[in-house]
Amino acid sequence: MKNWLTKNFSIREDIIITFLNSLIVTVGVFSLNGLIARLHGLETLGEFLLLKRTFFTAVSLFLFGSNLGLTNYISKNDDRAYGDAALHLFLVFSLPFISGIIIGLQWYQIEGINKDVFWPYYLFALGICLQFLAYSLFRGYLNMIGASVIQLIGTTVIPIILFLLLDDLMEIFIWVGISSIGIMLFGFVWRNNGIRILKVNIVYYMDLVIYGLNRIPSIIAQFILLAGLPIMIAKTSNLENVAYFNSSLSLLNLSLLITHPIGMVLLPRISRKLARGKIDEISYGLKLALYGGIYFSMMFGIWIFIFAPIILELWLGQIGNIASLILRGIIISLPFYTIAGLARSPIDAASYKGYNSIIYGIAAMFVVASYYLGVKSGYHPLYVAVTSFVGGQIISGVSSIIILNKFFNIRIWNLTLIRDVVMGMFLVISGYYLMLSLGLNQLIIACAIFIFGIITFYFYYNNTKGGWVYKFRKLIK
């Protein structure tokens, strides 16, 4: 078993492994949210997603960015002392810091965060932090099967089992936290071949802390972009609307099913190639990854936009009209969200200066300013939140392209890519109206277009003799 969990594979195999894991995790998260909504109601789902998104988004802040530095330094140096240092930083600094953050959130009196509860939130947060540390360690060693198992267990397996067994949300938080702490700590120590905290040189701590501190503004900004708006909505609306907004963000993340594995596999490999001065190879691979990200985000985005009502109804049960409007608004940002997500790891690997802090800092300031200006002007908070979110993602996506071009000389637009995107969108839209005119059910149309799209691209991928798809196929062989 250890050989499989710690084995290194080719980039093609790693992408396939990570894709399959992402698919399973996505189905699991999708099922978990639907399970909570149907068994416990939308308000419970709203409370769970508010806490989950808040802690998941803030995890790098909790860890002072050490999870980011861990992947970077392990992939470059293959030195277990960085694992020792990361765990020590967690035990000494993160434990008290997380408790202060939770108390601060409770003091802010946010709808959905119980001010009289501490240990369920604290244990839940600790479990998430250890999951991210273990995931980063495996990923740094390019052990993508081990990293995938860590993500699958922590994100889907444990929560699904406990939501099926228990009824009280706070009790579920406690046991999710305890289970995650035990499993993830064991996994971390096992992969690190033990812990030697007393023998770690101060240099290792400094490397992780400096790397992380340069990215703290970026982490805070990303927290505002992904968790800040649900918190602000919770102050002015009910937990049902928070559930709709967070569920739409979950579907946005679901849309990264294809591109996320590429980004996860890229960072450690880019770090190694940068250490060896192979800039041209990095630029070539990044450009093709971005082309793929743009194409799939446009295709999946238009599909979700068209079928938003039926997707939400199947997922969450009975929904209001506002839920579809929120999802359709948020999904507009998908191409920019995808670009920023793919660019974040290469930018982190290319520079210690924390350019992502500038990118996401500008986007976060826009989101906060536009939200409060919109609400003060009398517009509906949910519509303002959606508009602010989309604007922030556009800013982060465009800014990421500018910074990528600075380091890797990447030009994002390509005539073949534009042709493929236009043709794909035309086929989706025309296919929808053709089947609608035949009187077919919306669910049947949605499934037919999805399946037809996969088959068409698979045929094109395997038979094209030129363009970005052909080059990408050659790259990962």
Foldseek 3Di string as FASTA:
>chain_A
DVCLQQPADFLLVLLVLLLVLLVLLLVQVLQLLQLCCVPPNLLLSLLVLLLVQLLLLCLLVLQLNLLVLLLLCCLAPVDLLLLQLSVVSCVPPSLVVLQVVLCVLLVVPFQSRDNVDRQLSSLLSQLSNLLSNLLSNSLSSNSSNNNSVSCNCLRGVLLVVLVVVDDDPSVSSNSSSVVSNVVSVVSSCVSSVHHDNVPRDVVSNVSSNLLSNLASLLSVLSSCLRNVLLRVCRVPHGSSVSSLLSVLVSVLVSLCSNLVSVLSNLQSVLLNVVVVVVLQVNLLLLLLSLLVQLQSLLLVLVLCLVLVVVSCCVRNNDDDPVSSVLNNLQSVLSSLLSQLSSLVSNLSSQDSNNVSSVQSNVLSVQLVVQLVVCVVVPDDNSVSNSVSSSSSSNSSSVSSVVSCCVRRVHDRDDPVSVVSNVVSSCCLVVQLVVVVVVVDDSVVSSVVSVVVSVVVVVVCLVDDDDDSSVVNVVVRD
